[in-house]
């Protein structure tokens, strides 16, 4: 079963290809996505890596969390599925 990881603190110049090559050292990667700003196309400094095997994802957390990737220390953790979080607090949505 696949498992998605959150990768935070990325260098703004890190490409999806670089991120994929780093994490493929652990195991087969199903998908890589660096989140970008809609208007500028610039990286927001975080992304997601989905491993085919959940055991490889767990190993990647252990090996890369707090380590330097492309010149920056990254945070690697299991991604949270926003659909499972439930509704947002109404106070946080007021403008």
N, C-alpha and C. Protein backbone atom coordinates (compact mmCIF):
# COMPACT_ATOMS: atom_id res chain seq x y z
N UNK A 1 0.85 -1.18 0.00
CA UNK A 1 0.00 0.00 0.00
C UNK A 1 0.89 1.25 0.00
N UNK A 2 0.53 2.22 -0.82
CA UNK A 2 1.35 3.43 -0.93
C UNK A 2 1.17 4.34 0.28
N UNK A 3 2.16 5.21 0.48
CA UNK A 3 2.13 6.15 1.59
C UNK A 3 2.74 7.47 1.14
N UNK A 4 2.04 8.58 1.45
CA UNK A 4 2.47 9.92 1.06
C UNK A 4 3.16 10.61 2.22
N UNK A 5 4.29 11.25 1.89
CA UNK A 5 5.06 11.99 2.89
C UNK A 5 5.02 13.48 2.57
N UNK A 6 5.03 14.30 3.62
CA UNK A 6 5.17 15.74 3.52
C UNK A 6 6.66 16.06 3.62
N UNK A 7 7.14 16.91 2.72
CA UNK A 7 8.54 17.34 2.75
C UNK A 7 8.53 18.86 2.88
N UNK A 8 8.95 19.38 4.02
CA UNK A 8 8.93 20.82 4.26
C UNK A 8 10.32 21.39 4.34
N UNK A 9 10.44 22.70 4.11
CA UNK A 9 11.72 23.38 4.21
C UNK A 9 12.59 23.21 2.98
N UNK A 10 11.97 22.93 1.84
CA UNK A 10 12.73 22.72 0.61
C UNK A 10 13.36 24.01 0.11
N UNK A 11 14.50 23.85 -0.53
CA UNK A 11 15.12 24.95 -1.25
C UNK A 11 14.14 25.36 -2.35
N UNK A 12 13.94 26.66 -2.56
CA UNK A 12 12.98 27.13 -3.56
C UNK A 12 13.39 26.74 -4.97
N UNK A 13 14.65 26.38 -5.17
CA UNK A 13 15.13 25.97 -6.49
C UNK A 13 15.08 24.45 -6.70
N UNK A 14 14.73 23.69 -5.68
CA UNK A 14 14.67 22.23 -5.81
C UNK A 14 13.58 21.84 -6.80
N UNK A 15 13.93 20.98 -7.75
CA UNK A 15 12.95 20.52 -8.74
C UNK A 15 12.35 19.18 -8.29
N UNK A 16 11.25 18.82 -8.93
CA UNK A 16 10.63 17.53 -8.64
C UNK A 16 11.57 16.39 -9.02
N UNK A 17 12.35 16.56 -10.08
CA UNK A 17 13.31 15.52 -10.49
C UNK A 17 14.38 15.29 -9.42
N UNK A 18 14.89 16.39 -8.84
CA UNK A 18 15.89 16.27 -7.78
C UNK A 18 15.28 15.58 -6.57
N UNK A 19 14.09 16.00 -6.18
CA UNK A 19 13.42 15.40 -5.02
C UNK A 19 13.18 13.91 -5.25
N UNK A 20 12.74 13.56 -6.44
CA UNK A 20 12.52 12.15 -6.78
C UNK A 20 13.82 11.37 -6.65
N UNK A 21 14.91 11.89 -7.19
CA UNK A 21 16.18 11.15 -7.16
C UNK A 21 16.68 10.95 -5.73
N UNK A 22 16.46 11.92 -4.87
CA UNK A 22 16.87 11.80 -3.46
C UNK A 22 16.10 10.66 -2.80
N UNK A 23 14.79 10.63 -2.96
CA UNK A 23 13.98 9.65 -2.25
C UNK A 23 13.95 8.28 -2.91
N UNK A 24 14.28 8.20 -4.20
CA UNK A 24 14.35 6.89 -4.85
C UNK A 24 15.52 6.06 -4.32
N UNK A 25 16.44 6.70 -3.61
CA UNK A 25 17.53 5.95 -2.98
C UNK A 25 16.98 5.01 -1.91
N UNK A 26 15.80 5.31 -1.39
CA UNK A 26 15.16 4.48 -0.36
C UNK A 26 14.32 3.37 -0.98
N UNK A 27 13.54 3.71 -2.01
CA UNK A 27 12.65 2.73 -2.62
C UNK A 27 11.86 3.36 -3.75
N UNK A 28 10.97 2.57 -4.35
CA UNK A 28 10.21 3.02 -5.51
C UNK A 28 9.25 4.15 -5.16
N UNK A 29 9.38 5.26 -5.89
CA UNK A 29 8.55 6.43 -5.68
C UNK A 29 7.44 6.44 -6.73
N UNK A 30 6.21 6.57 -6.27
CA UNK A 30 5.05 6.59 -7.15
C UNK A 30 4.80 7.99 -7.73
N UNK A 31 4.96 9.03 -6.88
CA UNK A 31 4.64 10.39 -7.30
C UNK A 31 5.44 11.40 -6.49
N UNK A 32 5.77 12.53 -7.12
CA UNK A 32 6.44 13.65 -6.46
C UNK A 32 5.73 14.92 -6.89
N UNK A 33 5.43 15.78 -5.93
CA UNK A 33 4.77 17.05 -6.24
C UNK A 33 5.34 18.14 -5.34
N UNK A 34 5.92 19.17 -5.95
CA UNK A 34 6.33 20.36 -5.22
C UNK A 34 5.22 21.39 -5.40
N UNK A 35 4.74 21.94 -4.32
CA UNK A 35 3.63 22.89 -4.36
C UNK A 35 4.16 24.25 -4.78
N UNK A 36 3.47 24.85 -5.75
CA UNK A 36 3.89 26.15 -6.27
C UNK A 36 2.78 27.19 -6.10
N UNK A 37 3.19 28.44 -6.09
CA UNK A 37 2.24 29.55 -6.02
C UNK A 37 1.48 29.63 -7.34
N UNK A 38 0.19 29.78 -7.26
CA UNK A 38 -0.67 29.79 -8.44
C UNK A 38 -0.31 30.94 -9.39
N UNK A 39 -0.06 32.11 -8.84
CA UNK A 39 0.19 33.29 -9.67
C UNK A 39 1.60 33.37 -10.22
N UNK A 40 2.59 33.05 -9.40
CA UNK A 40 3.99 33.22 -9.81
C UNK A 40 4.64 31.94 -10.32
N UNK A 41 4.10 30.80 -9.95
CA UNK A 41 4.71 29.52 -10.31
C UNK A 41 5.92 29.18 -9.47
N UNK A 42 6.25 30.02 -8.49
CA UNK A 42 7.40 29.81 -7.62
C UNK A 42 7.07 28.76 -6.55
N UNK A 43 8.05 27.96 -6.22
CA UNK A 43 7.89 26.95 -5.18
C UNK A 43 7.50 27.61 -3.86
N UNK A 44 6.63 26.93 -3.11
CA UNK A 44 6.27 27.40 -1.77
C UNK A 44 7.18 26.80 -0.71
N UNK A 45 8.14 25.98 -1.12
CA UNK A 45 9.12 25.41 -0.19
C UNK A 45 8.68 24.12 0.48
N UNK A 46 7.63 23.51 -0.06
CA UNK A 46 7.23 22.20 0.46
C UNK A 46 6.63 21.37 -0.66
N UNK A 47 6.56 20.08 -0.39
CA UNK A 47 6.00 19.18 -1.39
C UNK A 47 5.66 17.84 -0.79
N UNK A 48 5.36 16.89 -1.67
CA UNK A 48 4.93 15.57 -1.24
C UNK A 48 5.62 14.51 -2.09
N UNK A 49 5.97 13.41 -1.44
CA UNK A 49 6.55 12.25 -2.11
C UNK A 49 5.71 11.06 -1.70
N UNK A 50 5.23 10.31 -2.69
CA UNK A 50 4.44 9.11 -2.42
C UNK A 50 5.26 7.88 -2.77
N UNK A 51 5.44 7.02 -1.78
CA UNK A 51 6.15 5.76 -1.98
C UNK A 51 5.17 4.66 -2.30
N UNK A 52 5.57 3.73 -3.14
CA UNK A 52 4.76 2.57 -3.47
C UNK A 52 4.57 1.70 -2.22
N UNK A 53 5.64 1.55 -1.45
CA UNK A 53 5.64 0.69 -0.26
C UNK A 53 5.71 1.54 1.01
N UNK A 54 4.76 1.33 1.91
CA UNK A 54 4.70 2.10 3.15
C UNK A 54 5.96 1.91 4.00
N UNK A 55 6.57 0.75 3.93
CA UNK A 55 7.80 0.51 4.71
C UNK A 55 8.93 1.42 4.24
N UNK A 56 9.01 1.66 2.94
CA UNK A 56 10.03 2.57 2.41
C UNK A 56 9.74 4.00 2.85
N UNK A 57 8.48 4.37 2.93
CA UNK A 57 8.12 5.71 3.40
C UNK A 57 8.57 5.90 4.85
N UNK A 58 8.34 4.92 5.68
CA UNK A 58 8.77 4.99 7.08
C UNK A 58 10.29 5.11 7.18
N UNK A 59 10.99 4.37 6.35
CA UNK A 59 12.45 4.44 6.32
C UNK A 59 12.92 5.83 5.88
N UNK A 60 12.21 6.41 4.91
CA UNK A 60 12.58 7.75 4.43
C UNK A 60 12.41 8.80 5.52
N UNK A 61 11.36 8.67 6.33
CA UNK A 61 11.16 9.60 7.45
C UNK A 61 12.35 9.51 8.39
N UNK A 62 12.71 8.28 8.75
CA UNK A 62 13.83 8.06 9.66
C UNK A 62 15.14 8.60 9.10
N UNK A 63 15.38 8.36 7.83
CA UNK A 63 16.66 8.72 7.23
C UNK A 63 16.77 10.21 6.89
N UNK A 64 15.69 10.85 6.44
CA UNK A 64 15.81 12.21 5.91
C UNK A 64 15.26 13.32 6.80
N UNK A 65 14.43 13.02 7.77
CA UNK A 65 13.90 14.10 8.62
C UNK A 65 15.04 14.80 9.35
N UNK A 66 15.13 16.11 9.14
CA UNK A 66 16.19 16.90 9.77
C UNK A 66 17.50 16.92 9.01
N UNK A 67 17.56 16.21 7.90
CA UNK A 67 18.79 16.15 7.11
C UNK A 67 18.78 17.22 6.02
N UNK A 68 19.95 17.47 5.46
CA UNK A 68 20.09 18.46 4.40
C UNK A 68 19.79 17.84 3.04
N UNK A 69 18.89 18.51 2.31
CA UNK A 69 18.57 18.11 0.94
C UNK A 69 18.68 19.37 0.09
N UNK A 70 19.55 19.33 -0.89
CA UNK A 70 19.74 20.47 -1.80
C UNK A 70 20.04 21.77 -1.05
N UNK A 71 20.87 21.64 0.00
CA UNK A 71 21.32 22.81 0.73
C UNK A 71 20.43 23.31 1.85
N UNK A 72 19.33 22.63 2.14
CA UNK A 72 18.42 23.05 3.22
C UNK A 72 18.04 21.85 4.08
N UNK A 73 17.89 22.08 5.39
CA UNK A 73 17.41 21.02 6.29
C UNK A 73 15.91 20.87 6.08
N UNK A 74 15.47 19.65 5.86
CA UNK A 74 14.07 19.42 5.55
C UNK A 74 13.35 18.70 6.69
N UNK A 75 12.06 18.89 6.72
CA UNK A 75 11.17 18.19 7.64
C UNK A 75 10.46 17.13 6.82
N UNK A 76 10.56 15.89 7.23
CA UNK A 76 9.91 14.79 6.52
C UNK A 76 8.98 14.09 7.50
N UNK A 77 7.70 14.04 7.15
CA UNK A 77 6.72 13.38 8.01
C UNK A 77 5.60 12.80 7.16
N UNK A 78 4.78 11.99 7.80
CA UNK A 78 3.63 11.43 7.09
C UNK A 78 2.68 12.57 6.75
N UNK A 79 2.20 12.58 5.52
CA UNK A 79 1.26 13.62 5.08
C UNK A 79 -0.09 13.41 5.74
N UNK A 80 -0.74 14.51 6.06
CA UNK A 80 -2.08 14.47 6.65
C UNK A 80 -3.09 14.66 5.54
N UNK A 81 -4.04 13.78 5.46
CA UNK A 81 -5.10 13.88 4.45
C UNK A 81 -6.11 14.91 4.92
N UNK A 82 -6.14 16.07 4.27
CA UNK A 82 -7.06 17.14 4.67
C UNK A 82 -8.52 16.72 4.65
N UNK A 83 -8.85 15.75 3.83
CA UNK A 83 -10.24 15.29 3.77
C UNK A 83 -10.65 14.59 5.06
N UNK A 84 -9.68 14.11 5.83
CA UNK A 84 -9.98 13.42 7.08
C UNK A 84 -9.96 14.36 8.28
N UNK A 85 -9.52 15.59 8.08
CA UNK A 85 -9.41 16.55 9.18
C UNK A 85 -10.76 17.04 9.68
N UNK A 86 -11.73 17.08 8.80
CA UNK A 86 -13.03 17.62 9.17
C UNK A 86 -13.12 19.08 8.80
N UNK A 87 -14.25 19.70 9.09
CA UNK A 87 -14.42 21.11 8.70
C UNK A 87 -13.48 22.03 9.47
N UNK A 88 -13.11 23.12 8.81
CA UNK A 88 -12.26 24.11 9.45
C UNK A 88 -13.07 24.90 10.46
N UNK A 89 -12.36 25.45 11.42
CA UNK A 89 -12.98 26.31 12.41
C UNK A 89 -13.50 27.56 11.70
N UNK A 90 -14.74 27.93 11.94
CA UNK A 90 -15.37 29.07 11.26
C UNK A 90 -14.59 30.36 11.52
N UNK A 91 -13.96 30.50 12.67
CA UNK A 91 -13.21 31.72 12.97
C UNK A 91 -12.02 31.91 12.07
N UNK A 92 -11.43 30.83 11.61
CA UNK A 92 -10.24 30.94 10.76
C UNK A 92 -10.61 31.31 9.33
N UNK A 93 -11.89 31.23 8.97
CA UNK A 93 -12.31 31.54 7.61
C UNK A 93 -12.86 32.95 7.46
N UNK A 94 -12.99 33.67 8.53
CA UNK A 94 -13.54 35.03 8.41
C UNK A 94 -12.47 35.98 7.90
N UNK A 95 -12.89 36.95 7.12
CA UNK A 95 -11.93 37.89 6.54
C UNK A 95 -12.14 39.26 7.08
